[in-house]
Amino acid sequence: MKGGAVVARNFFDYFGLAPGTAPSENRRGGVLGAGLEYGFAPNWSLGVEYLHGFFGTRHISFVQTGPFGLPSDDISQSLDMVTARINYRFGGPVVARY
């Protein structure tokens, strides 16, 4: 098991906005995950890991020039990531010699 913090840079766009007026922000949240690793040879192992990041919901207001007022939206965001890997450990096992 593992846990920690996660940061994402978001750029929001809304149809009809003037170029360069879309909001952006850094969002912070938490991450939880778990993984397994299996050694199948003296220096080799296989691993797989799953992480879930959660950012919650954020209310975003878009600045719009025109007759329709200020559009806004509630943005909910999460992140799911799976990593698979094969590892090789250089140097081999340590053997004490006398």
PDB file of N, CA and C in Angstrom:
ATOM      1  N   MET A   1       0.847  -1.185   0.000  1.00  0.00           N
ATOM      2  CA  MET A   1       0.000   0.000   0.000  1.00  0.00           C
ATOM      3  C   MET A   1       0.886   1.239   0.000  1.00  0.00           C
ATOM      4  N   LYS A   2       0.391   2.265  -0.638  1.00  0.00           N
ATOM      5  CA  LYS A   2       1.099   3.536  -0.633  1.00  0.00           C
ATOM      6  C   LYS A   2       0.087   4.651  -0.717  1.00  0.00           C
ATOM      7  N   GLY A   3       0.508   5.808  -0.315  1.00  0.00           N
ATOM      8  CA  GLY A   3      -0.344   6.990  -0.359  1.00  0.00           C
ATOM      9  C   GLY A   3       0.507   8.230  -0.439  1.00  0.00           C
ATOM     10  N   GLY A   4      -0.109   9.325  -0.839  1.00  0.00           N
ATOM     11  CA  GLY A   4       0.648  10.562  -0.936  1.00  0.00           C
ATOM     12  C   GLY A   4      -0.173  11.678  -1.532  1.00  0.00           C
ATOM     13  N   ALA A   5       0.525  12.639  -2.091  1.00  0.00           N
ATOM     14  CA  ALA A   5      -0.109  13.817  -2.680  1.00  0.00           C
ATOM     15  C   ALA A   5       0.108  13.810  -4.187  1.00  0.00           C
ATOM     16  N   VAL A   6      -0.798  14.459  -4.894  1.00  0.00           N
ATOM     17  CA  VAL A   6      -0.708  14.553  -6.348  1.00  0.00           C
ATOM     18  C   VAL A   6      -1.090  15.971  -6.767  1.00  0.00           C
ATOM     19  N   VAL A   7      -0.414  16.478  -7.801  1.00  0.00           N
ATOM     20  CA  VAL A   7      -0.685  17.818  -8.336  1.00  0.00           C
ATOM     21  C   VAL A   7      -0.878  17.687  -9.842  1.00  0.00           C
ATOM     22  N   ALA A   8      -1.903  18.356 -10.378  1.00  0.00           N
ATOM     23  CA  ALA A   8      -2.155  18.348 -11.818  1.00  0.00           C
ATOM     24  C   ALA A   8      -2.338  19.775 -12.305  1.00  0.00           C
ATOM     25  N   ARG A   9      -1.841  20.063 -13.486  1.00  0.00           N
ATOM     26  CA  ARG A   9      -2.029  21.370 -14.123  1.00  0.00           C
ATOM     27  C   ARG A   9      -3.165  21.218 -15.123  1.00  0.00           C
ATOM     28  N   ASN A  10      -4.259  21.959 -14.930  1.00  0.00           N
ATOM     29  CA  ASN A  10      -5.444  21.866 -15.780  1.00  0.00           C
ATOM     30  C   ASN A  10      -5.630  23.131 -16.603  1.00  0.00           C
ATOM     31  N   PHE A  11      -6.036  22.931 -17.842  1.00  0.00           N
ATOM     32  CA  PHE A  11      -6.407  24.026 -18.725  1.00  0.00           C
ATOM     33  C   PHE A  11      -7.851  23.793 -19.142  1.00  0.00           C
ATOM     34  N   PHE A  12      -8.727  24.742 -18.880  1.00  0.00           N
ATOM     35  CA  PHE A  12     -10.140  24.616 -19.185  1.00  0.00           C
ATOM     36  C   PHE A  12     -10.463  25.449 -20.422  1.00  0.00           C
ATOM     37  N   ASP A  13     -11.404  24.981 -21.198  1.00  0.00           N
ATOM     38  CA  ASP A  13     -11.811  25.712 -22.391  1.00  0.00           C
ATOM     39  C   ASP A  13     -13.325  25.693 -22.470  1.00  0.00           C
ATOM     40  N   TYR A  14     -13.868  26.726 -23.032  1.00  0.00           N
ATOM     41  CA  TYR A  14     -15.311  26.859 -23.181  1.00  0.00           C
ATOM     42  C   TYR A  14     -15.566  27.405 -24.572  1.00  0.00           C
ATOM     43  N   PHE A  15     -16.397  26.741 -25.327  1.00  0.00           N
ATOM     44  CA  PHE A  15     -16.671  27.171 -26.703  1.00  0.00           C
ATOM     45  C   PHE A  15     -17.235  28.586 -26.713  1.00  0.00           C
ATOM     46  N   GLY A  16     -16.643  29.432 -27.488  1.00  0.00           N
ATOM     47  CA  GLY A  16     -17.122  30.806 -27.588  1.00  0.00           C
ATOM     48  C   GLY A  16     -16.264  31.807 -26.837  1.00  0.00           C
ATOM     49  N   LEU A  17     -15.270  31.347 -26.105  1.00  0.00           N
ATOM     50  CA  LEU A  17     -14.381  32.268 -25.399  1.00  0.00           C
ATOM     51  C   LEU A  17     -13.388  32.879 -26.372  1.00  0.00           C
ATOM     52  N   ALA A  18     -13.010  34.088 -26.094  1.00  0.00           N
ATOM     53  CA  ALA A  18     -11.948  34.704 -26.876  1.00  0.00           C
ATOM     54  C   ALA A  18     -10.645  33.944 -26.617  1.00  0.00           C
ATOM     55  N   PRO A  19      -9.768  33.799 -27.614  1.00  0.00           N
ATOM     56  CA  PRO A  19      -8.505  33.073 -27.413  1.00  0.00           C
ATOM     57  C   PRO A  19      -7.690  33.667 -26.262  1.00  0.00           C
ATOM     58  N   GLY A  20      -7.138  32.788 -25.457  1.00  0.00           N
ATOM     59  CA  GLY A  20      -6.299  33.222 -24.343  1.00  0.00           C
ATOM     60  C   GLY A  20      -7.045  33.602 -23.082  1.00  0.00           C
ATOM     61  N   THR A  21      -8.373  33.414 -23.048  1.00  0.00           N
ATOM     62  CA  THR A  21      -9.141  33.793 -21.853  1.00  0.00           C
ATOM     63  C   THR A  21      -9.603  32.583 -21.047  1.00  0.00           C
ATOM     64  N   ALA A  22      -9.278  31.365 -21.479  1.00  0.00           N
ATOM     65  CA  ALA A  22      -9.694  30.170 -20.744  1.00  0.00           C
ATOM     66  C   ALA A  22      -8.907  30.067 -19.447  1.00  0.00           C
ATOM     67  N   PRO A  23      -9.576  29.739 -18.337  1.00  0.00           N
ATOM     68  CA  PRO A  23      -8.864  29.630 -17.055  1.00  0.00           C
ATOM     69  C   PRO A  23      -7.987  28.379 -16.995  1.00  0.00           C
ATOM     70  N   SER A  24      -6.988  28.424 -16.137  1.00  0.00           N
ATOM     71  CA  SER A  24      -6.151  27.264 -15.852  1.00  0.00           C
ATOM     72  C   SER A  24      -5.787  27.326 -14.374  1.00  0.00           C
ATOM     73  N   GLU A  25      -5.421  26.181 -13.827  1.00  0.00           N
ATOM     74  CA  GLU A  25      -5.072  26.140 -12.410  1.00  0.00           C
ATOM     75  C   GLU A  25      -4.283  24.880 -12.098  1.00  0.00           C
ATOM     76  N   ASN A  26      -3.585  24.917 -10.964  1.00  0.00           N
ATOM     77  CA  ASN A  26      -2.966  23.727 -10.393  1.00  0.00           C
ATOM     78  C   ASN A  26      -3.949  23.147  -9.402  1.00  0.00           C
ATOM     79  N   ARG A  27      -4.236  21.856  -9.529  1.00  0.00           N
ATOM     80  CA  ARG A  27      -5.131  21.196  -8.581  1.00  0.00           C
ATOM     81  C   ARG A  27      -4.331  20.220  -7.749  1.00  0.00           C
ATOM     82  N   ARG A  28      -4.654  20.165  -6.471  1.00  0.00           N
ATOM     83  CA  ARG A  28      -3.976  19.277  -5.532  1.00  0.00           C
ATOM     84  C   ARG A  28      -4.969  18.260  -4.994  1.00  0.00           C
ATOM     85  N   GLY A  29      -4.473  17.078  -4.729  1.00  0.00           N
ATOM     86  CA  GLY A  29      -5.327  16.030  -4.192  1.00  0.00           C
ATOM     87  C   GLY A  29      -4.490  14.957  -3.535  1.00  0.00           C
ATOM     88  N   GLY A  30      -5.121  13.839  -3.294  1.00  0.00           N
ATOM     89  CA  GLY A  30      -4.450  12.708  -2.667  1.00  0.00           C
ATOM     90  C   GLY A  30      -4.376  11.529  -3.613  1.00  0.00           C
ATOM     91  N   VAL A  31      -3.498  10.594  -3.304  1.00  0.00           N
ATOM     92  CA  VAL A  31      -3.350   9.390  -4.112  1.00  0.00           C
ATOM     93  C   VAL A  31      -3.192   8.179  -3.196  1.00  0.00           C
ATOM     94  N   LEU A  32      -3.841   7.091  -3.570  1.00  0.00           N
ATOM     95  CA  LEU A  32      -3.727   5.810  -2.871  1.00  0.00           C
ATOM     96  C   LEU A  32      -3.409   4.747  -3.900  1.00  0.00           C
ATOM     97  N   GLY A  33      -2.638   3.747  -3.497  1.00  0.00           N
ATOM     98  CA  GLY A  33      -2.305   2.706  -4.447  1.00  0.00           C
ATOM     99  C   GLY A  33      -1.797   1.449  -3.795  1.00  0.00           C
ATOM    100  N   ALA A  34      -1.658   0.430  -4.622  1.00  0.00           N
ATOM    101  CA  ALA A  34      -1.138  -0.858  -4.167  1.00  0.00           C
ATOM    102  C   ALA A  34      -0.443  -1.516  -5.346  1.00  0.00           C
ATOM    103  N   GLY A  35       0.457  -2.429  -5.039  1.00  0.00           N
ATOM    104  CA  GLY A  35       1.170  -3.128  -6.099  1.00  0.00           C
ATOM    105  C   GLY A  35       1.723  -4.446  -5.624  1.00  0.00           C
ATOM    106  N   LEU A  36       2.158  -5.236  -6.590  1.00  0.00           N
ATOM    107  CA  LEU A  36       2.769  -6.535  -6.322  1.00  0.00           C
ATOM    108  C   LEU A  36       4.059  -6.638  -7.128  1.00  0.00           C
ATOM    109  N   GLU A  37       5.026  -7.350  -6.570  1.00  0.00           N
ATOM    110  CA  GLU A  37       6.264  -7.610  -7.294  1.00  0.00           C
ATOM    111  C   GLU A  37       6.651  -9.064  -7.055  1.00  0.00           C
ATOM    112  N   TYR A  38       7.086  -9.735  -8.119  1.00  0.00           N
ATOM    113  CA  TYR A  38       7.418 -11.155  -8.046  1.00  0.00           C
ATOM    114  C   TYR A  38       8.798 -11.375  -8.656  1.00  0.00           C
ATOM    115  N   GLY A  39       9.705 -11.968  -7.870  1.00  0.00           N
ATOM    116  CA  GLY A  39      11.038 -12.307  -8.363  1.00  0.00           C
ATOM    117  C   GLY A  39      11.002 -13.677  -9.009  1.00  0.00           C
ATOM    118  N   PHE A  40      11.331 -13.776 -10.309  1.00  0.00           N
ATOM    119  CA  PHE A  40      11.237 -15.047 -11.026  1.00  0.00           C
ATOM    120  C   PHE A  40      12.602 -15.628 -11.392  1.00  0.00           C
ATOM    121  N   ALA A  41      13.676 -14.894 -11.160  1.00  0.00           N
ATOM    122  CA  ALA A  41      15.042 -15.362 -11.409  1.00  0.00           C
ATOM    123  C   ALA A  41      15.940 -14.628 -10.418  1.00  0.00           C
ATOM    124  N   PRO A  42      17.206 -15.017 -10.284  1.00  0.00           N
ATOM    125  CA  PRO A  42      18.058 -14.385  -9.266  1.00  0.00           C
ATOM    126  C   PRO A  42      18.096 -12.851  -9.324  1.00  0.00           C
ATOM    127  N   ASN A  43      18.137 -12.248 -10.486  1.00  0.00           N
ATOM    128  CA  ASN A  43      18.230 -10.790 -10.568  1.00  0.00           C
ATOM    129  C   ASN A  43      17.020 -10.158 -11.242  1.00  0.00           C
ATOM    130  N   TRP A  44      16.011 -10.908 -11.592  1.00  0.00           N
ATOM    131  CA  TRP A  44      14.861 -10.401 -12.352  1.00  0.00           C
ATOM    132  C   TRP A  44      13.584 -10.423 -11.518  1.00  0.00           C
ATOM    133  N   SER A  45      12.730  -9.422 -11.755  1.00  0.00           N
ATOM    134  CA  SER A  45      11.411  -9.411 -11.114  1.00  0.00           C
ATOM    135  C   SER A  45      10.410  -8.713 -12.031  1.00  0.00           C
ATOM    136  N   LEU A  46       9.146  -9.046 -11.838  1.00  0.00           N
ATOM    137  CA  LEU A  46       8.026  -8.410 -12.529  1.00  0.00           C
ATOM    138  C   LEU A  46       7.200  -7.662 -11.496  1.00  0.00           C
ATOM    139  N   GLY A  47       6.677  -6.507 -11.867  1.00  0.00           N
ATOM    140  CA  GLY A  47       5.855  -5.751 -10.940  1.00  0.00           C
ATOM    141  C   GLY A  47       4.674  -5.113 -11.636  1.00  0.00           C
ATOM    142  N   VAL A  48       3.606  -4.927 -10.901  1.00  0.00           N
ATOM    143  CA  VAL A  48       2.430  -4.208 -11.380  1.00  0.00           C
ATOM    144  C   VAL A  48       1.942  -3.328 -10.231  1.00  0.00           C
ATOM    145  N   GLU A  49       1.460  -2.134 -10.564  1.00  0.00           N
ATOM    146  CA  GLU A  49       1.049  -1.172  -9.540  1.00  0.00           C
ATOM    147  C   GLU A  49      -0.165  -0.404 -10.034  1.00  0.00           C
ATOM    148  N   TYR A  50      -1.112  -0.158  -9.132  1.00  0.00           N
ATOM    149  CA  TYR A  50      -2.309   0.633  -9.440  1.00  0.00           C
ATOM    150  C   TYR A  50      -2.347   1.840  -8.519  1.00  0.00           C
ATOM    151  N   LEU A  51      -2.603   3.015  -9.077  1.00  0.00           N
ATOM    152  CA  LEU A  51      -2.737   4.251  -8.302  1.00  0.00           C
ATOM    153  C   LEU A  51      -4.047   4.934  -8.650  1.00  0.00           C
ATOM    154  N   HIS A  52      -4.730   5.462  -7.632  1.00  0.00           N
ATOM    155  CA  HIS A  52      -5.944   6.257  -7.844  1.00  0.00           C
ATOM    156  C   HIS A  52      -5.734   7.628  -7.199  1.00  0.00           C
ATOM    157  N   GLY A  53      -5.781   8.664  -8.016  1.00  0.00           N
ATOM    158  CA  GLY A  53      -5.667  10.036  -7.526  1.00  0.00           C
ATOM    159  C   GLY A  53      -7.030  10.694  -7.536  1.00  0.00           C
ATOM    160  N   PHE A  54      -7.334  11.423  -6.479  1.00  0.00           N
ATOM    161  CA  PHE A  54      -8.645  12.084  -6.403  1.00  0.00           C
ATOM    162  C   PHE A  54      -8.438  13.565  -6.102  1.00  0.00           C
ATOM    163  N   PHE A  55      -9.126  14.385  -6.860  1.00  0.00           N
ATOM    164  CA  PHE A  55      -8.990  15.839  -6.774  1.00  0.00           C
ATOM    165  C   PHE A  55     -10.259  16.514  -6.268  1.00  0.00           C
ATOM    166  N   GLY A  56     -11.362  15.800  -6.164  1.00  0.00           N
ATOM    167  CA  GLY A  56     -12.609  16.408  -5.722  1.00  0.00           C
ATOM    168  C   GLY A  56     -13.275  17.197  -6.831  1.00  0.00           C
ATOM    169  N   THR A  57     -14.222  18.045  -6.456  1.00  0.00           N
ATOM    170  CA  THR A  57     -14.982  18.856  -7.404  1.00  0.00           C
ATOM    171  C   THR A  57     -14.642  20.323  -7.197  1.00  0.00           C
ATOM    172  N   ARG A  58     -14.532  21.060  -8.285  1.00  0.00           N
ATOM    173  CA  ARG A  58     -14.174  22.477  -8.234  1.00  0.00           C
ATOM    174  C   ARG A  58     -15.137  23.248  -9.123  1.00  0.00           C
ATOM    175  N   HIS A  59     -15.636  24.377  -8.644  1.00  0.00           N
ATOM    176  CA  HIS A  59     -16.521  25.246  -9.417  1.00  0.00           C
ATOM    177  C   HIS A  59     -15.657  26.244 -10.197  1.00  0.00           C
ATOM    178  N   ILE A  60     -15.772  26.230 -11.517  1.00  0.00           N
ATOM    179  CA  ILE A  60     -14.963  27.075 -12.387  1.00  0.00           C
ATOM    180  C   ILE A  60     -15.879  28.070 -13.102  1.00  0.00           C
ATOM    181  N   SER A  61     -15.510  29.345 -13.083  1.00  0.00           N
ATOM    182  CA  SER A  61     -16.227  30.384 -13.825  1.00  0.00           C
ATOM    183  C   SER A  61     -15.387  30.796 -15.026  1.00  0.00           C
ATOM    184  N   PHE A  62     -16.032  30.890 -16.172  1.00  0.00           N
ATOM    185  CA  PHE A  62     -15.382  31.294 -17.407  1.00  0.00           C
ATOM    186  C   PHE A  62     -15.725  32.742 -17.708  1.00  0.00           C
ATOM    187  N   VAL A  63     -14.732  33.527 -18.085  1.00  0.00           N
ATOM    188  CA  VAL A  63     -14.964  34.920 -18.453  1.00  0.00           C
ATOM    189  C   VAL A  63     -15.330  34.938 -19.930  1.00  0.00           C
ATOM    190  N   GLN A  64     -16.512  35.461 -20.247  1.00  0.00           N
ATOM    191  CA  GLN A  64     -16.982  35.472 -21.626  1.00  0.00           C
ATOM    192  C   GLN A  64     -17.346  36.891 -22.029  1.00  0.00           C
ATOM    193  N   THR A  65     -16.913  37.264 -23.201  1.00  0.00           N
ATOM    194  CA  THR A  65     -17.332  38.552 -23.737  1.00  0.00           C
ATOM    195  C   THR A  65     -18.498  38.300 -24.668  1.00  0.00           C
ATOM    196  N   GLY A  66     -19.637  38.821 -24.350  1.00  0.00           N
ATOM    197  CA  GLY A  66     -20.819  38.625 -25.183  1.00  0.00           C
ATOM    198  C   GLY A  66     -22.083  38.776 -24.369  1.00  0.00           C
ATOM    199  N   PRO A  67     -23.222  38.568 -24.997  1.00  0.00           N
ATOM    200  CA  PRO A  67     -24.508  38.823 -24.346  1.00  0.00           C
ATOM    201  C   PRO A  67     -25.002  37.716 -23.426  1.00  0.00           C
ATOM    202  N   PHE A  68     -24.279  36.613 -23.285  1.00  0.00           N
ATOM    203  CA  PHE A  68     -24.810  35.467 -22.554  1.00  0.00           C
ATOM    204  C   PHE A  68     -24.322  35.350 -21.124  1.00  0.00           C
ATOM    205  N   GLY A  69     -23.656  36.331 -20.592  1.00  0.00           N
ATOM    206  CA  GLY A  69     -23.255  36.319 -19.183  1.00  0.00           C
ATOM    207  C   GLY A  69     -22.025  35.480 -18.921  1.00  0.00           C
ATOM    208  N   LEU A  70     -21.856  35.054 -17.665  1.00  0.00           N
ATOM    209  CA  LEU A  70     -20.689  34.291 -17.224  1.00  0.00           C
ATOM    210  C   LEU A  70     -21.042  32.807 -17.110  1.00  0.00           C
ATOM    211  N   PRO A  71     -20.565  31.987 -18.033  1.00  0.00           N
ATOM    212  CA  PRO A  71     -20.798  30.550 -17.886  1.00  0.00           C
ATOM    213  C   PRO A  71     -19.917  29.978 -16.784  1.00  0.00           C
ATOM    214  N   SER A  72     -20.391  28.936 -16.136  1.00  0.00           N
ATOM    215  CA  SER A  72     -19.606  28.260 -15.106  1.00  0.00           C
ATOM    216  C   SER A  72     -19.935  26.778 -15.144  1.00  0.00           C
ATOM    217  N   ASP A  73     -19.103  25.996 -14.488  1.00  0.00           N
ATOM    218  CA  ASP A  73     -19.302  24.554 -14.475  1.00  0.00           C
ATOM    219  C   ASP A  73     -18.624  23.976 -13.241  1.00  0.00           C
ATOM    220  N   ASP A  74     -19.143  22.843 -12.768  1.00  0.00           N
ATOM    221  CA  ASP A  74     -18.506  22.088 -11.693  1.00  0.00           C
ATOM    222  C   ASP A  74     -17.658  20.996 -12.340  1.00  0.00           C
ATOM    223  N   ILE A  75     -16.365  21.013 -12.078  1.00  0.00           N
ATOM    224  CA  ILE A  75     -15.429  20.075 -12.687  1.00  0.00           C
ATOM    225  C   ILE A  75     -15.023  19.053 -11.626  1.00  0.00           C
ATOM    226  N   SER A  76     -15.315  17.790 -11.895  1.00  0.00           N
ATOM    227  CA  SER A  76     -14.904  16.690 -11.020  1.00  0.00           C
ATOM    228  C   SER A  76     -13.766  15.952 -11.721  1.00  0.00           C
ATOM    229  N   GLN A  77     -12.735  15.600 -10.965  1.00  0.00           N
ATOM    230  CA  GLN A  77     -11.561  15.015 -11.601  1.00  0.00           C
ATOM    231  C   GLN A  77     -10.988  13.901 -10.738  1.00  0.00           C
ATOM    232  N   SER A  78     -10.584  12.825 -11.403  1.00  0.00           N
ATOM    233  CA  SER A  78      -9.854  11.747 -10.738  1.00  0.00           C
ATOM    234  C   SER A  78      -8.851  11.173 -11.738  1.00  0.00           C
ATOM    235  N   LEU A  79      -7.944  10.360 -11.242  1.00  0.00           N
ATOM    236  CA  LEU A  79      -6.874   9.810 -12.057  1.00  0.00           C
ATOM    237  C   LEU A  79      -6.696   8.348 -11.685  1.00  0.00           C
ATOM    238  N   ASP A  80      -6.685   7.473 -12.685  1.00  0.00           N
ATOM    239  CA  ASP A  80      -6.402   6.058 -12.481  1.00  0.00           C
ATOM    240  C   ASP A  80      -5.209   5.687 -13.349  1.00  0.00           C
ATOM    241  N   MET A  81      -4.219   5.045 -12.742  1.00  0.00           N
ATOM    242  CA  MET A  81      -3.000   4.711 -13.474  1.00  0.00           C
ATOM    243  C   MET A  81      -2.527   3.313 -13.081  1.00  0.00           C
ATOM    244  N   VAL A  82      -2.205   2.520 -14.095  1.00  0.00           N
ATOM    245  CA  VAL A  82      -1.651   1.181 -13.885  1.00  0.00           C
ATOM    246  C   VAL A  82      -0.264   1.160 -14.510  1.00  0.00           C
ATOM    247  N   THR A  83       0.708   0.668 -13.765  1.00  0.00           N
ATOM    248  CA  THR A  83       2.077   0.568 -14.242  1.00  0.00           C
ATOM    249  C   THR A  83       2.515  -0.890 -14.166  1.00  0.00           C
ATOM    250  N   ALA A  84       3.052  -1.401 -15.274  1.00  0.00           N
ATOM    251  CA  ALA A  84       3.632  -2.741 -15.292  1.00  0.00           C
ATOM    252  C   ALA A  84       5.116  -2.586 -15.616  1.00  0.00           C
ATOM    253  N   ARG A  85       5.950  -3.389 -14.976  1.00  0.00           N
ATOM    254  CA  ARG A  85       7.384  -3.230 -15.181  1.00  0.00           C
ATOM    255  C   ARG A  85       8.111  -4.570 -15.039  1.00  0.00           C
ATOM    256  N   ILE A  86       9.273  -4.629 -15.679  1.00  0.00           N
ATOM    257  CA  ILE A  86      10.205  -5.733 -15.498  1.00  0.00           C
ATOM    258  C   ILE A  86      11.508  -5.110 -15.003  1.00  0.00           C
ATOM    259  N   ASN A  87      12.079  -5.680 -13.957  1.00  0.00           N
ATOM    260  CA  ASN A  87      13.255  -5.107 -13.307  1.00  0.00           C
ATOM    261  C   ASN A  87      14.437  -6.071 -13.377  1.00  0.00           C
ATOM    262  N   TYR A  88      15.613  -5.494 -13.568  1.00  0.00           N
ATOM    263  CA  TYR A  88      16.849  -6.250 -13.470  1.00  0.00           C
ATOM    264  C   TYR A  88      17.738  -5.577 -12.428  1.00  0.00           C
ATOM    265  N   ARG A  89      18.198  -6.330 -11.449  1.00  0.00           N
ATOM    266  CA  ARG A  89      19.061  -5.801 -10.378  1.00  0.00           C
ATOM    267  C   ARG A  89      20.511  -6.147 -10.723  1.00  0.00           C
ATOM    268  N   PHE A  90      21.319  -5.128 -10.957  1.00  0.00           N
ATOM    269  CA  PHE A  90      22.721  -5.311 -11.302  1.00  0.00           C
ATOM    270  C   PHE A  90      23.524  -5.715 -10.080  1.00  0.00           C
ATOM    271  N   GLY A  91      24.549  -6.497 -10.266  1.00  0.00           N
ATOM    272  CA  GLY A  91      25.458  -6.832  -9.174  1.00  0.00           C
ATOM    273  C   GLY A  91      25.237  -8.209  -8.588  1.00  0.00           C
ATOM    274  N   GLY A  92      24.069  -8.787  -8.734  1.00  0.00           N
ATOM    275  CA  GLY A  92      23.804 -10.122  -8.230  1.00  0.00           C
ATOM    276  C   GLY A  92      23.686 -10.161  -6.717  1.00  0.00           C
ATOM    277  N   PRO A  93      23.418 -11.341  -6.193  1.00  0.00           N
ATOM    278  CA  PRO A  93      23.265 -11.487  -4.752  1.00  0.00           C
ATOM    279  C   PRO A  93      24.599 -11.323  -4.023  1.00  0.00           C
ATOM    280  N   VAL A  94      24.535 -10.847  -2.808  1.00  0.00           N
ATOM    281  CA  VAL A  94      25.728 -10.666  -1.983  1.00  0.00           C
ATOM    282  C   VAL A  94      26.006 -11.978  -1.262  1.00  0.00           C
ATOM    283  N   VAL A  95      27.229 -12.504  -1.442  1.00  0.00           N
ATOM    284  CA  VAL A  95      27.601 -13.764  -0.798  1.00  0.00           C
ATOM    285  C   VAL A  95      28.831 -13.489   0.068  1.00  0.00           C
ATOM    286  N   ALA A  96      28.747 -13.831   1.340  1.00  0.00           N
ATOM    287  CA  ALA A  96      29.878 -13.634   2.238  1.00  0.00           C
ATOM    288  C   ALA A  96      30.886 -14.763   2.027  1.00  0.00           C
ATOM    289  N   ARG A  97      32.187 -14.390   1.914  1.00  0.00           N
ATOM    290  CA  ARG A  97      33.238 -15.381   1.716  1.00  0.00           C
ATOM    291  C   ARG A  97      34.279 -15.236   2.829  1.00  0.00           C
ATOM    292  N   TYR A  98      34.685 -16.351   3.391  1.00  0.00           N
ATOM    293  CA  TYR A  98      35.691 -16.341   4.467  1.00  0.00           C
ATOM    294  C   TYR A  98      36.908 -17.123   4.067  1.00  0.00           C
TER     295      TYR A  98
END
